[in-house]
Protein backbone atom coordinates (compact mmCIF):
# COMPACT_ATOMS: atom_id res chain seq x y z
CA UNK A 1 -6.96 -22.01 29.24
CA UNK A 2 -10.31 -20.26 29.23
CA UNK A 3 -12.04 -18.95 26.13
CA UNK A 4 -11.71 -15.33 27.27
CA UNK A 5 -7.95 -15.62 27.81
CA UNK A 6 -7.58 -17.25 24.42
CA UNK A 7 -9.60 -14.42 22.85
CA UNK A 8 -7.37 -11.88 24.59
CA UNK A 9 -4.26 -13.54 23.16
CA UNK A 10 -5.78 -13.56 19.67
CA UNK A 11 -6.68 -9.86 19.94
CA UNK A 12 -3.16 -9.07 21.11
CA UNK A 13 -1.69 -10.85 18.09
CA UNK A 14 -4.09 -9.03 15.76
CA UNK A 15 -2.97 -5.67 17.10
CA UNK A 16 0.69 -6.67 16.88
CA UNK A 17 0.38 -7.87 13.28
CA UNK A 18 -1.90 -5.10 11.96
CA UNK A 19 0.88 -2.99 10.43
CA UNK A 20 2.80 -5.87 8.80
CA UNK A 21 -0.48 -7.20 7.39
CA UNK A 22 -1.38 -3.79 5.96
CA UNK A 23 2.11 -3.52 4.47
CA UNK A 24 1.68 -6.87 2.71
CA UNK A 25 -1.73 -5.90 1.36
CA UNK A 26 -0.39 -2.61 0.04
CA UNK A 27 2.72 -4.20 -1.42
CA UNK A 28 0.54 -6.27 -3.72
CA UNK A 29 -1.75 -3.31 -4.43
CA UNK A 30 1.19 -1.06 -5.35
CA UNK A 31 2.68 -3.69 -7.67
CA UNK A 32 -0.65 -4.19 -9.43
CA UNK A 33 -1.15 -0.45 -9.82
CA UNK A 34 2.34 0.05 -11.28
CA UNK A 35 1.84 -2.83 -13.73
CA UNK A 36 -1.47 -1.33 -14.81
CA UNK A 37 0.23 2.06 -15.24
CA UNK A 38 3.03 0.58 -17.39
CA UNK A 39 0.58 -1.39 -19.55
CA UNK A 40 -1.58 1.68 -20.14
CA UNK A 41 1.49 3.70 -21.07
CA UNK A 42 2.75 0.97 -23.43
CA UNK A 43 -0.66 0.71 -25.11
CA UNK A 44 -0.80 4.51 -25.40
CA UNK A 45 -3.89 4.68 -23.20
CA UNK A 46 -4.40 7.18 -20.38
CA UNK A 47 -2.59 6.11 -17.23
CA UNK A 48 -4.66 5.44 -14.10
CA UNK A 49 -5.27 8.51 -12.02
CA UNK A 50 -3.97 8.99 -8.48
CA UNK A 51 -7.59 9.16 -7.38
CA UNK A 52 -8.14 5.61 -8.66
CA UNK A 53 -5.34 4.41 -6.39
CA UNK A 54 -7.03 6.24 -3.51
CA UNK A 55 -10.28 4.44 -4.30
CA UNK A 56 -8.43 1.12 -4.19
CA UNK A 57 -7.01 2.00 -0.79
CA UNK A 58 -10.42 2.96 0.52
CA UNK A 59 -12.00 -0.10 -1.06
CA UNK A 60 -9.57 -2.32 0.82
CA UNK A 61 -10.86 -0.80 4.05
CA UNK A 62 -7.87 1.39 4.92
CA UNK A 63 -7.68 5.06 5.71
CA UNK A 64 -4.12 6.37 5.71
CA UNK A 65 -2.99 9.89 6.62
CA UNK A 66 -0.04 9.61 4.22
CA UNK A 67 -2.04 9.43 1.02
CA UNK A 68 -1.21 13.02 0.05
CA UNK A 69 2.44 12.00 -0.35
CA UNK A 70 1.34 9.19 -2.68
CA UNK A 71 -0.88 11.59 -4.61
CA UNK A 72 2.00 14.05 -5.13
CA UNK A 73 4.35 11.24 -6.16
CA UNK A 74 1.89 9.91 -8.75
CA UNK A 75 1.21 13.41 -10.06
CA UNK A 76 4.97 13.93 -10.44
CA UNK A 77 5.27 10.63 -12.34
CA UNK A 78 2.39 11.58 -14.63
CA UNK A 79 3.80 15.03 -15.40
CA UNK A 80 7.34 13.78 -16.01
CA UNK A 81 6.30 10.70 -18.01
CA UNK A 82 7.99 8.24 -15.65
CA UNK A 83 6.52 5.02 -14.37
CA UNK A 84 5.87 4.86 -10.62
CA UNK A 85 7.83 2.33 -8.61
CA UNK A 86 6.04 0.05 -6.13
CA UNK A 87 8.79 0.57 -3.55
CA UNK A 88 8.40 4.35 -3.71
CA UNK A 89 4.61 4.04 -3.34
CA UNK A 90 5.06 1.82 -0.29
CA UNK A 91 7.63 4.19 1.21
CA UNK A 92 5.22 7.09 0.71
CA UNK A 93 2.37 5.15 2.33
CA UNK A 94 4.43 3.79 5.23
CA UNK A 95 7.34 6.21 5.77
CA UNK A 96 8.37 4.76 9.15
CA UNK A 97 7.80 1.08 8.48
CA UNK A 98 10.79 -1.21 8.79
CA UNK A 99 10.28 -4.83 7.90
CA UNK A 100 12.50 -7.03 9.99
CA UNK A 101 11.67 -10.71 9.72
CA UNK A 102 12.21 -12.77 12.83
CA UNK A 103 15.10 -14.95 11.77
CA UNK A 104 16.34 -17.39 14.30
């Protein structure tokens, strides 16, 4: 196998796994943000702003067109006094993503 064909296979796998990788990165990011939100609320400190979550997304090197849905969800949580759920944040970020592990 030549180096160029091996590089082509690697690039193909990178493209194929880009969305699942992003989903895993954001799953952790959403959990951390929701924990930070709950701790701030419990300590009677101001909760993190939706803009701070947007900065985390941009800092991770992602640009998502669905961030307005996340912003509205976090604004709704802040106005109603509820804690955001990581699953809802992920669903807002990736509305069409279905994780199906390859089980053999």
